[in-house]
Amino acid sequence: MKKLKKNTIKLLRKIQQQIMAEPKRIDMHDFVEVFAPEVKINLQGTEGSPEGLPIPPCGTQACVAGWACLIGDPNLEKELKRVLVEDSITFVNERHLALEETIQDKAVKILGITEAQGVRLFFFKDWGNFEEDEFGYTLHDKNFEPIEAGWPEKFSKRYEKSKTAKGRAKATFDRIEHFIATNGAE
């Protein structure tokens, strides 16, 4: 496997800085979310925080793919906030927009990584949407090559079991660090 590009590593470092500067801004369970100022808790919750995730003062939370898009395309957050205000709703995510491509596909392009690397970086292995196909693989790329989906278990378990935003942010930071150290192989 070839080395990650310098620009890829630079953007991954910006994502790490972003989530550590305000740990409440990481939510690996949705690509991008923007909340109205009156909303203080993201009620999606996680195993480690069943009462929901606290929302940062800016109102924006995202996963690794979402942060790649927010940093790489500043208009995305502006558009989400516009829809939030115009529709007078308390929550908006990427599904409220008529995007030409998915956040996942956009993040792969912005980061300059392969689809397989994106799956390893953006998803947890135990998420149920990776069902086995007729060949027994849990996921495949556009060329039908098998992809090992998701974060290494030691990172996803730390994220899920963390009871604090700082703990979830640190698990995500460390996962990104491992991705860089393995050139996207893990």
N, C-alpha and C. Protein backbone atom coordinates (compact mmCIF):
# COMPACT_ATOMS: atom_id res chain seq x y z
N MET A 1 0.84 -1.18 0.00
CA MET A 1 0.00 0.00 0.00
C MET A 1 0.89 1.25 0.00
N LYS A 2 0.53 2.20 -0.81
CA LYS A 2 1.35 3.42 -0.90
C LYS A 2 1.10 4.33 0.30
N LYS A 3 2.06 5.21 0.52
CA LYS A 3 1.98 6.15 1.64
C LYS A 3 0.86 7.15 1.43
N LEU A 4 0.30 7.62 2.54
CA LEU A 4 -0.70 8.68 2.47
C LEU A 4 -0.03 9.95 1.96
N LYS A 5 -0.76 10.73 1.19
CA LYS A 5 -0.24 11.98 0.66
C LYS A 5 -0.07 13.00 1.80
N LYS A 6 0.88 13.92 1.62
CA LYS A 6 1.12 14.97 2.63
C LYS A 6 -0.14 15.78 2.90
N ASN A 7 -0.89 16.11 1.84
CA ASN A 7 -2.12 16.89 2.03
C ASN A 7 -3.17 16.10 2.82
N THR A 8 -3.20 14.78 2.63
CA THR A 8 -4.12 13.94 3.38
C THR A 8 -3.77 14.00 4.86
N ILE A 9 -2.51 13.84 5.17
CA ILE A 9 -2.07 13.88 6.57
C ILE A 9 -2.33 15.25 7.17
N LYS A 10 -2.09 16.30 6.40
CA LYS A 10 -2.33 17.67 6.88
C LYS A 10 -3.80 17.87 7.23
N LEU A 11 -4.71 17.40 6.39
CA LEU A 11 -6.14 17.54 6.67
C LEU A 11 -6.55 16.66 7.86
N LEU A 12 -6.01 15.47 7.96
CA LEU A 12 -6.31 14.61 9.11
C LEU A 12 -5.84 15.27 10.41
N ARG A 13 -4.71 15.93 10.38
CA ARG A 13 -4.22 16.67 11.57
C ARG A 13 -5.17 17.82 11.93
N LYS A 14 -5.71 18.50 10.91
CA LYS A 14 -6.69 19.57 11.18
C LYS A 14 -7.94 19.00 11.83
N ILE A 15 -8.37 17.83 11.39
CA ILE A 15 -9.54 17.18 11.99
C ILE A 15 -9.23 16.85 13.44
N GLN A 16 -8.06 16.30 13.70
CA GLN A 16 -7.66 15.99 15.07
C GLN A 16 -7.68 17.25 15.94
N GLN A 17 -7.11 18.34 15.42
CA GLN A 17 -7.08 19.60 16.17
C GLN A 17 -8.50 20.10 16.44
N GLN A 18 -9.35 20.01 15.44
CA GLN A 18 -10.73 20.48 15.57
C GLN A 18 -11.47 19.75 16.69
N ILE A 19 -11.37 18.42 16.70
CA ILE A 19 -12.13 17.67 17.70
C ILE A 19 -11.52 17.78 19.10
N MET A 20 -10.22 17.97 19.20
CA MET A 20 -9.62 18.12 20.53
C MET A 20 -9.84 19.53 21.07
N ALA A 21 -9.95 20.53 20.20
CA ALA A 21 -10.21 21.89 20.64
C ALA A 21 -11.61 22.00 21.25
N GLU A 22 -12.57 21.27 20.72
CA GLU A 22 -13.94 21.25 21.25
C GLU A 22 -14.46 19.83 21.13
N PRO A 23 -14.19 18.99 22.14
CA PRO A 23 -14.56 17.58 22.07
C PRO A 23 -16.04 17.30 21.81
N LYS A 24 -16.91 18.21 22.17
CA LYS A 24 -18.34 18.01 21.93
C LYS A 24 -18.69 18.02 20.44
N ARG A 25 -17.73 18.39 19.61
CA ARG A 25 -18.01 18.49 18.17
C ARG A 25 -17.85 17.16 17.43
N ILE A 26 -17.43 16.08 18.12
CA ILE A 26 -17.31 14.79 17.45
C ILE A 26 -18.52 13.91 17.76
N ASP A 27 -19.11 13.37 16.72
CA ASP A 27 -20.20 12.39 16.86
C ASP A 27 -20.05 11.41 15.71
N MET A 28 -19.56 10.23 16.01
CA MET A 28 -19.30 9.24 14.96
C MET A 28 -20.57 8.57 14.45
N HIS A 29 -21.73 8.92 14.98
CA HIS A 29 -22.97 8.24 14.58
C HIS A 29 -23.76 8.96 13.51
N ASP A 30 -23.30 10.09 13.06
CA ASP A 30 -23.94 10.79 11.94
C ASP A 30 -22.85 11.59 11.23
N PHE A 31 -23.02 11.80 9.93
CA PHE A 31 -21.97 12.49 9.18
C PHE A 31 -21.82 13.94 9.62
N VAL A 32 -22.89 14.73 9.53
CA VAL A 32 -22.85 16.14 9.91
C VAL A 32 -24.20 16.50 10.50
N GLU A 33 -24.18 17.18 11.65
CA GLU A 33 -25.42 17.62 12.29
C GLU A 33 -25.26 19.06 12.74
N VAL A 34 -26.31 19.85 12.56
CA VAL A 34 -26.33 21.21 13.06
C VAL A 34 -27.62 21.37 13.87
N PHE A 35 -27.48 21.91 15.07
CA PHE A 35 -28.61 22.06 15.98
C PHE A 35 -28.91 23.53 16.22
N ALA A 36 -30.19 23.83 16.47
CA ALA A 36 -30.61 25.18 16.83
C ALA A 36 -30.02 25.52 18.21
N PRO A 37 -29.83 26.82 18.48
CA PRO A 37 -29.21 27.22 19.75
C PRO A 37 -29.92 26.71 21.00
N GLU A 38 -31.23 26.53 20.93
CA GLU A 38 -31.96 26.07 22.12
C GLU A 38 -31.78 24.59 22.42
N VAL A 39 -31.23 23.83 21.48
CA VAL A 39 -31.03 22.39 21.68
C VAL A 39 -29.67 22.19 22.35
N LYS A 40 -29.67 21.51 23.49
CA LYS A 40 -28.43 21.32 24.25
C LYS A 40 -27.93 19.88 24.24
N ILE A 41 -28.79 18.92 23.85
CA ILE A 41 -28.40 17.50 23.86
C ILE A 41 -28.80 16.85 22.53
N ASN A 42 -27.86 16.09 21.96
CA ASN A 42 -28.13 15.27 20.78
C ASN A 42 -28.68 13.96 21.31
N LEU A 43 -29.97 13.72 21.13
CA LEU A 43 -30.63 12.58 21.75
C LEU A 43 -30.39 11.25 21.05
N GLN A 44 -29.55 11.22 20.01
CA GLN A 44 -29.20 9.94 19.40
C GLN A 44 -28.51 9.05 20.41
N GLY A 45 -27.69 9.66 21.26
CA GLY A 45 -26.98 8.92 22.30
C GLY A 45 -26.01 7.90 21.76
N THR A 46 -25.26 7.32 22.67
CA THR A 46 -24.33 6.24 22.35
C THR A 46 -24.35 5.27 23.50
N GLU A 47 -23.73 4.15 23.32
CA GLU A 47 -23.64 3.15 24.38
C GLU A 47 -23.03 3.77 25.64
N GLY A 48 -22.02 4.61 25.47
CA GLY A 48 -21.35 5.23 26.60
C GLY A 48 -22.08 6.43 27.15
N SER A 49 -23.05 6.94 26.44
CA SER A 49 -23.77 8.13 26.86
C SER A 49 -25.24 7.99 26.46
N PRO A 50 -26.01 7.09 27.12
CA PRO A 50 -27.38 6.81 26.70
C PRO A 50 -28.32 8.01 26.79
N GLU A 51 -27.95 9.01 27.58
CA GLU A 51 -28.81 10.18 27.70
C GLU A 51 -28.59 11.17 26.56
N GLY A 52 -27.65 10.89 25.70
CA GLY A 52 -27.39 11.76 24.56
C GLY A 52 -26.04 12.45 24.68
N LEU A 53 -25.62 13.06 23.58
CA LEU A 53 -24.35 13.76 23.55
C LEU A 53 -24.58 15.25 23.75
N PRO A 54 -23.78 15.89 24.63
CA PRO A 54 -23.91 17.34 24.78
C PRO A 54 -23.49 18.04 23.49
N ILE A 55 -24.22 19.07 23.14
CA ILE A 55 -23.96 19.80 21.90
C ILE A 55 -23.06 21.00 22.20
N PRO A 56 -22.07 21.26 21.34
CA PRO A 56 -21.18 22.40 21.58
C PRO A 56 -21.91 23.72 21.33
N PRO A 57 -21.38 24.80 21.86
CA PRO A 57 -22.03 26.11 21.68
C PRO A 57 -22.28 26.49 20.22
N CYS A 58 -21.42 26.07 19.31
CA CYS A 58 -21.60 26.41 17.89
C CYS A 58 -22.73 25.62 17.25
N GLY A 59 -23.15 24.52 17.88
CA GLY A 59 -24.27 23.73 17.37
C GLY A 59 -23.92 22.71 16.31
N THR A 60 -22.65 22.56 15.95
CA THR A 60 -22.27 21.63 14.88
C THR A 60 -21.49 20.44 15.43
N GLN A 61 -21.94 19.24 15.04
CA GLN A 61 -21.23 18.01 15.36
C GLN A 61 -21.03 17.25 14.06
N ALA A 62 -19.96 16.45 14.00
CA ALA A 62 -19.71 15.64 12.80
C ALA A 62 -18.79 14.48 13.14
N CYS A 63 -18.78 13.51 12.25
CA CYS A 63 -17.84 12.38 12.36
C CYS A 63 -16.57 12.76 11.60
N VAL A 64 -15.66 11.82 11.46
CA VAL A 64 -14.41 12.10 10.76
C VAL A 64 -14.68 12.52 9.31
N ALA A 65 -15.56 11.79 8.62
CA ALA A 65 -15.90 12.14 7.23
C ALA A 65 -16.56 13.52 7.17
N GLY A 66 -17.45 13.78 8.11
CA GLY A 66 -18.12 15.07 8.16
C GLY A 66 -17.14 16.21 8.36
N TRP A 67 -16.16 16.01 9.27
CA TRP A 67 -15.17 17.06 9.49
C TRP A 67 -14.28 17.27 8.27
N ALA A 68 -13.97 16.21 7.57
CA ALA A 68 -13.20 16.38 6.32
C ALA A 68 -13.96 17.29 5.36
N CYS A 69 -15.27 17.08 5.27
CA CYS A 69 -16.10 17.89 4.37
C CYS A 69 -16.27 19.32 4.88
N LEU A 70 -16.50 19.47 6.19
CA LEU A 70 -16.67 20.81 6.76
C LEU A 70 -15.40 21.65 6.61
N ILE A 71 -14.26 21.04 6.81
CA ILE A 71 -12.99 21.76 6.67
C ILE A 71 -12.66 21.97 5.19
N GLY A 72 -12.92 20.96 4.37
CA GLY A 72 -12.60 21.04 2.95
C GLY A 72 -13.58 21.86 2.13
N ASP A 73 -14.80 22.03 2.64
CA ASP A 73 -15.85 22.78 1.94
C ASP A 73 -16.62 23.63 2.94
N PRO A 74 -16.11 24.84 3.24
CA PRO A 74 -16.74 25.70 4.24
C PRO A 74 -18.21 26.06 3.94
N ASN A 75 -18.61 25.93 2.69
CA ASN A 75 -20.00 26.25 2.34
C ASN A 75 -20.99 25.22 2.87
N LEU A 76 -20.53 24.02 3.19
CA LEU A 76 -21.43 22.98 3.69
C LEU A 76 -22.09 23.39 4.99
N GLU A 77 -21.33 23.87 5.95
CA GLU A 77 -21.90 24.28 7.23
C GLU A 77 -22.83 25.47 7.05
N LYS A 78 -22.45 26.41 6.20
CA LYS A 78 -23.31 27.57 5.93
C LYS A 78 -24.65 27.12 5.36
N GLU A 79 -24.63 26.17 4.43
CA GLU A 79 -25.86 25.67 3.82
C GLU A 79 -26.73 24.95 4.85
N LEU A 80 -26.12 24.15 5.70
CA LEU A 80 -26.87 23.47 6.75
C LEU A 80 -27.54 24.47 7.69
N LYS A 81 -26.80 25.49 8.09
CA LYS A 81 -27.36 26.52 8.99
C LYS A 81 -28.46 27.32 8.29
N ARG A 82 -28.31 27.55 6.98
CA ARG A 82 -29.36 28.26 6.24
C ARG A 82 -30.66 27.46 6.27
N VAL A 83 -30.59 26.15 6.00
CA VAL A 83 -31.76 25.29 6.01
C VAL A 83 -32.39 25.25 7.41
N LEU A 84 -31.56 25.19 8.42
CA LEU A 84 -32.03 25.17 9.81
C LEU A 84 -32.90 26.40 10.10
N VAL A 85 -32.44 27.56 9.71
CA VAL A 85 -33.15 28.81 9.96
C VAL A 85 -34.38 28.93 9.05
N GLU A 86 -34.21 28.70 7.75
CA GLU A 86 -35.31 28.85 6.80
C GLU A 86 -36.47 27.91 7.09
N ASP A 87 -36.17 26.69 7.52
CA ASP A 87 -37.22 25.70 7.78
C ASP A 87 -37.71 25.74 9.23
N SER A 88 -37.14 26.64 10.04
CA SER A 88 -37.51 26.78 11.45
C SER A 88 -37.55 25.43 12.17
N ILE A 89 -36.48 24.66 12.03
CA ILE A 89 -36.39 23.37 12.68
C ILE A 89 -35.25 23.39 13.71
N THR A 90 -35.21 22.39 14.58
CA THR A 90 -34.20 22.39 15.63
C THR A 90 -32.98 21.54 15.30
N PHE A 91 -33.04 20.78 14.20
CA PHE A 91 -31.96 19.88 13.85
C PHE A 91 -31.93 19.72 12.34
N VAL A 92 -30.72 19.68 11.79
CA VAL A 92 -30.56 19.42 10.36
C VAL A 92 -29.29 18.60 10.16
N ASN A 93 -29.33 17.69 9.19
CA ASN A 93 -28.11 16.96 8.83
C ASN A 93 -28.01 16.91 7.31
N GLU A 94 -27.01 16.19 6.82
CA GLU A 94 -26.75 16.19 5.37
C GLU A 94 -27.93 15.66 4.57
N ARG A 95 -28.80 14.87 5.19
CA ARG A 95 -29.95 14.32 4.45
C ARG A 95 -31.00 15.39 4.13
N HIS A 96 -30.90 16.55 4.76
CA HIS A 96 -31.80 17.65 4.46
C HIS A 96 -31.38 18.43 3.21
N LEU A 97 -30.19 18.16 2.71
CA LEU A 97 -29.67 18.87 1.56
C LEU A 97 -29.74 18.00 0.31
N ALA A 98 -29.86 18.65 -0.83
CA ALA A 98 -29.84 17.92 -2.10
C ALA A 98 -28.40 17.88 -2.59
N LEU A 99 -27.60 17.05 -1.93
CA LEU A 99 -26.18 16.95 -2.27
C LEU A 99 -25.99 16.10 -3.53
N GLU A 100 -25.03 16.48 -4.34
CA GLU A 100 -24.74 15.72 -5.56
C GLU A 100 -24.03 14.41 -5.26
N GLU A 101 -23.34 14.34 -4.13
CA GLU A 101 -22.66 13.12 -3.73
C GLU A 101 -22.79 12.95 -2.22
N THR A 102 -22.60 11.76 -1.74
CA THR A 102 -22.71 11.51 -0.31
C THR A 102 -21.55 12.17 0.43
N ILE A 103 -21.74 12.38 1.72
CA ILE A 103 -20.66 12.91 2.55
C ILE A 103 -19.48 11.95 2.51
N GLN A 104 -19.75 10.67 2.56
CA GLN A 104 -18.69 9.67 2.51
C GLN A 104 -17.87 9.81 1.22
N ASP A 105 -18.53 9.89 0.07
CA ASP A 105 -17.81 10.02 -1.20
C ASP A 105 -17.05 11.34 -1.28
N LYS A 106 -17.68 12.41 -0.79
CA LYS A 106 -17.04 13.72 -0.81
C LYS A 106 -15.79 13.72 0.08
N ALA A 107 -15.90 13.10 1.26
CA ALA A 107 -14.76 13.05 2.18
C ALA A 107 -13.61 12.26 1.59
N VAL A 108 -13.91 11.16 0.93
CA VAL A 108 -12.87 10.35 0.27
C VAL A 108 -12.11 11.22 -0.74
N LYS A 109 -12.84 11.99 -1.53
CA LYS A 109 -12.20 12.87 -2.53
C LYS A 109 -11.37 13.96 -1.87
N ILE A 110 -11.95 14.62 -0.86
CA ILE A 110 -11.26 15.72 -0.19
C ILE A 110 -9.97 15.21 0.46
N LEU A 111 -10.04 14.04 1.10
CA LEU A 111 -8.87 13.49 1.77
C LEU A 111 -7.87 12.86 0.80
N GLY A 112 -8.31 12.53 -0.40
CA GLY A 112 -7.42 11.89 -1.36
C GLY A 112 -7.07 10.47 -0.97
N ILE A 113 -8.06 9.75 -0.43
CA ILE A 113 -7.85 8.36 -0.02
C ILE A 113 -8.73 7.45 -0.86
N THR A 114 -8.50 6.16 -0.76
CA THR A 114 -9.32 5.21 -1.51
C THR A 114 -10.65 4.98 -0.79
N GLU A 115 -11.58 4.42 -1.50
CA GLU A 115 -12.88 4.08 -0.91
C GLU A 115 -12.69 3.12 0.27
N ALA A 116 -11.81 2.14 0.11
CA ALA A 116 -11.55 1.18 1.19
C ALA A 116 -10.97 1.87 2.42
N GLN A 117 -10.06 2.81 2.22
CA GLN A 117 -9.51 3.56 3.35
C GLN A 117 -10.60 4.38 4.03
N GLY A 118 -11.49 4.96 3.22
CA GLY A 118 -12.60 5.72 3.79
C GLY A 118 -13.49 4.87 4.68
N VAL A 119 -13.80 3.67 4.23
CA VAL A 119 -14.63 2.76 5.04
C VAL A 119 -13.92 2.43 6.34
N ARG A 120 -12.62 2.22 6.29
CA ARG A 120 -11.87 1.92 7.52
C ARG A 120 -11.83 3.12 8.47
N LEU A 121 -11.81 4.32 7.92
CA LEU A 121 -11.68 5.53 8.74
C LEU A 121 -13.02 6.07 9.24
N PHE A 122 -14.10 5.86 8.49
CA PHE A 122 -15.36 6.51 8.80
C PHE A 122 -16.37 5.66 9.57
N PHE A 123 -16.17 4.35 9.63
CA PHE A 123 -17.19 3.47 10.22
C PHE A 123 -16.60 2.54 11.27
N PHE A 124 -17.47 2.06 12.16
CA PHE A 124 -17.10 1.04 13.13
C PHE A 124 -17.41 -0.33 12.52
N LYS A 125 -16.64 -1.34 12.88
CA LYS A 125 -16.81 -2.68 12.32
C LYS A 125 -18.16 -3.29 12.67
N ASP A 126 -18.67 -3.01 13.85
CA ASP A 126 -19.88 -3.70 14.31
C ASP A 126 -21.18 -2.99 13.93
N TRP A 127 -21.11 -1.98 13.08
CA TRP A 127 -22.34 -1.34 12.65
C TRP A 127 -23.08 -2.27 11.70
N GLY A 128 -24.37 -2.36 11.90
CA GLY A 128 -25.18 -3.35 11.21
C GLY A 128 -25.41 -3.15 9.73
N ASN A 129 -25.00 -2.03 9.15
CA ASN A 129 -25.29 -1.82 7.73
C ASN A 129 -24.26 -2.48 6.81
N PHE A 130 -23.33 -3.24 7.38
CA PHE A 130 -22.36 -3.96 6.57
C PHE A 130 -22.71 -5.44 6.57
N GLU A 131 -23.78 -5.79 5.88
CA GLU A 131 -24.21 -7.18 5.85
C GLU A 131 -23.39 -7.95 4.83
N GLU A 132 -23.21 -9.24 5.08
CA GLU A 132 -22.45 -10.07 4.15
C GLU A 132 -23.18 -10.21 2.83
N ASP A 133 -22.42 -10.15 1.75
CA ASP A 133 -23.01 -10.36 0.43
C ASP A 133 -22.93 -11.85 0.08
N GLU A 134 -23.29 -12.21 -1.12
CA GLU A 134 -23.33 -13.61 -1.52
C GLU A 134 -21.96 -14.29 -1.48
N PHE A 135 -20.87 -13.52 -1.44
CA PHE A 135 -19.54 -14.09 -1.39
C PHE A 135 -18.98 -14.15 0.03
N GLY A 136 -19.76 -13.67 1.01
CA GLY A 136 -19.31 -13.71 2.40
C GLY A 136 -18.52 -12.50 2.83
N TYR A 137 -18.36 -11.50 1.95
CA TYR A 137 -17.65 -10.29 2.32
C TYR A 137 -18.63 -9.32 2.94
N THR A 138 -18.14 -8.53 3.90
CA THR A 138 -19.03 -7.58 4.53
C THR A 138 -19.20 -6.31 3.72
N LEU A 139 -18.25 -6.02 2.87
CA LEU A 139 -18.33 -4.81 2.07
C LEU A 139 -17.35 -4.95 0.91
N HIS A 140 -17.66 -4.30 -0.20
CA HIS A 140 -16.73 -4.32 -1.33
C HIS A 140 -16.69 -2.96 -1.99
N ASP A 141 -15.61 -2.70 -2.70
CA ASP A 141 -15.47 -1.43 -3.39
C ASP A 141 -16.13 -1.50 -4.77
N LYS A 142 -15.95 -0.44 -5.56
CA LYS A 142 -16.59 -0.36 -6.88
C LYS A 142 -16.09 -1.44 -7.84
N ASN A 143 -14.91 -1.99 -7.56
CA ASN A 143 -14.37 -3.07 -8.38
C ASN A 143 -14.68 -4.44 -7.78
N PHE A 144 -15.55 -4.46 -6.79
CA PHE A 144 -15.97 -5.68 -6.09
C PHE A 144 -14.84 -6.39 -5.37
N GLU A 145 -13.83 -5.61 -4.98
CA GLU A 145 -12.76 -6.15 -4.14
C GLU A 145 -13.23 -6.03 -2.68
N PRO A 146 -12.97 -7.04 -1.86
CA PRO A 146 -13.42 -6.99 -0.47
C PRO A 146 -12.72 -5.89 0.32
N ILE A 147 -13.47 -5.27 1.22
CA ILE A 147 -12.96 -4.22 2.10
C ILE A 147 -13.19 -4.67 3.53
N GLU A 148 -12.16 -4.59 4.35
CA GLU A 148 -12.36 -4.82 5.77
C GLU A 148 -12.91 -3.52 6.35
N ALA A 149 -14.14 -3.58 6.79
CA ALA A 149 -14.84 -2.37 7.21
C ALA A 149 -14.49 -1.98 8.63
N GLY A 150 -14.35 -0.70 8.84
CA GLY A 150 -14.38 -0.14 10.17
C GLY A 150 -13.08 0.04 10.93
N TRP A 151 -13.25 0.73 12.06
CA TRP A 151 -12.15 1.02 12.97
C TRP A 151 -11.65 -0.26 13.62
N PRO A 152 -10.37 -0.32 13.94
CA PRO A 152 -9.92 -1.42 14.80
C PRO A 152 -10.73 -1.38 16.11
N GLU A 153 -11.06 -2.55 16.58
CA GLU A 153 -11.97 -2.67 17.73
C GLU A 153 -11.51 -1.90 18.96
N LYS A 154 -10.20 -1.85 19.19
CA LYS A 154 -9.72 -1.16 20.40
C LYS A 154 -10.12 0.31 20.41
N PHE A 155 -10.25 0.93 19.24
CA PHE A 155 -10.64 2.35 19.17
C PHE A 155 -12.16 2.51 19.25
N SER A 156 -12.89 1.68 18.51
CA SER A 156 -14.35 1.82 18.54
C SER A 156 -14.90 1.50 19.93
N LYS A 157 -14.34 0.51 20.60
CA LYS A 157 -14.80 0.19 21.97
C LYS A 157 -14.51 1.34 22.92
N ARG A 158 -13.33 1.94 22.79
CA ARG A 158 -13.00 3.11 23.65
C ARG A 158 -13.99 4.23 23.41
N TYR A 159 -14.29 4.49 22.13
CA TYR A 159 -15.25 5.55 21.80
C TYR A 159 -16.61 5.25 22.43
N GLU A 160 -17.13 4.07 22.18
CA GLU A 160 -18.47 3.70 22.64
C GLU A 160 -18.58 3.65 24.16
N LYS A 161 -17.53 3.25 24.83
CA LYS A 161 -17.58 3.12 26.29
C LYS A 161 -17.28 4.43 27.01
N SER A 162 -16.77 5.40 26.30
CA SER A 162 -16.43 6.67 26.93
C SER A 162 -17.67 7.37 27.44
N LYS A 163 -17.57 7.91 28.64
CA LYS A 163 -18.70 8.61 29.25
C LYS A 163 -18.59 10.13 29.07
N THR A 164 -17.50 10.59 28.46
CA THR A 164 -17.30 12.02 28.28
C THR A 164 -16.99 12.36 26.82
N ALA A 165 -17.29 13.60 26.48
CA ALA A 165 -16.96 14.09 25.14
C ALA A 165 -15.45 14.04 24.91
N LYS A 166 -14.68 14.40 25.95
CA LYS A 166 -13.22 14.38 25.84
C LYS A 166 -12.71 12.96 25.57
N GLY A 167 -13.30 11.97 26.22
CA GLY A 167 -12.91 10.58 26.00
C GLY A 167 -13.21 10.12 24.58
N ARG A 168 -14.39 10.51 24.05
CA ARG A 168 -14.75 10.16 22.67
C ARG A 168 -13.81 10.86 21.68
N ALA A 169 -13.50 12.12 21.97
CA ALA A 169 -12.60 12.87 21.09
C ALA A 169 -11.19 12.25 21.10
N LYS A 170 -10.71 11.85 22.26
CA LYS A 170 -9.38 11.25 22.36
C LYS A 170 -9.33 9.90 21.64
N ALA A 171 -10.40 9.10 21.76
CA ALA A 171 -10.45 7.83 21.04
C ALA A 171 -10.41 8.08 19.53
N THR A 172 -11.13 9.10 19.07
CA THR A 172 -11.15 9.45 17.64
C THR A 172 -9.78 9.96 17.20
N PHE A 173 -9.18 10.82 18.01
CA PHE A 173 -7.84 11.34 17.73
C PHE A 173 -6.86 10.19 17.57
N ASP A 174 -6.89 9.25 18.52
CA ASP A 174 -5.96 8.11 18.48
C ASP A 174 -6.24 7.20 17.29
N ARG A 175 -7.51 7.07 16.91
CA ARG A 175 -7.85 6.25 15.75
C ARG A 175 -7.26 6.87 14.48
N ILE A 176 -7.40 8.19 14.35
CA ILE A 176 -6.84 8.89 13.19
C ILE A 176 -5.31 8.74 13.19
N GLU A 177 -4.70 8.85 14.35
CA GLU A 177 -3.25 8.70 14.47
C GLU A 177 -2.82 7.30 13.99
N HIS A 178 -3.56 6.29 14.37
CA HIS A 178 -3.27 4.91 13.94
C HIS A 178 -3.44 4.77 12.42
N PHE A 179 -4.46 5.39 11.88
CA PHE A 179 -4.71 5.37 10.43
C PHE A 179 -3.50 5.97 9.70
N ILE A 180 -2.99 7.10 10.21
CA ILE A 180 -1.83 7.75 9.60
C ILE A 180 -0.60 6.83 9.73
N ALA A 181 -0.39 6.28 10.93
CA ALA A 181 0.78 5.43 11.17
C ALA A 181 0.80 4.19 10.30
N THR A 182 -0.38 3.68 9.92
CA THR A 182 -0.45 2.48 9.10
C THR A 182 -0.69 2.81 7.63
N ASN A 183 -0.56 4.09 7.26
CA ASN A 183 -0.81 4.54 5.88
C ASN A 183 -2.19 4.13 5.38
N GLY A 184 -3.16 4.15 6.27
CA GLY A 184 -4.53 3.85 5.88
C GLY A 184 -4.84 2.37 5.75
N ALA A 185 -3.90 1.51 6.11
CA ALA A 185 -4.12 0.06 6.00
C ALA A 185 -5.00 -0.46 7.13
N GLU A 186 -5.01 0.25 8.25
CA GLU A 186 -5.85 -0.15 9.40
C GLU A 186 -6.64 1.04 9.91
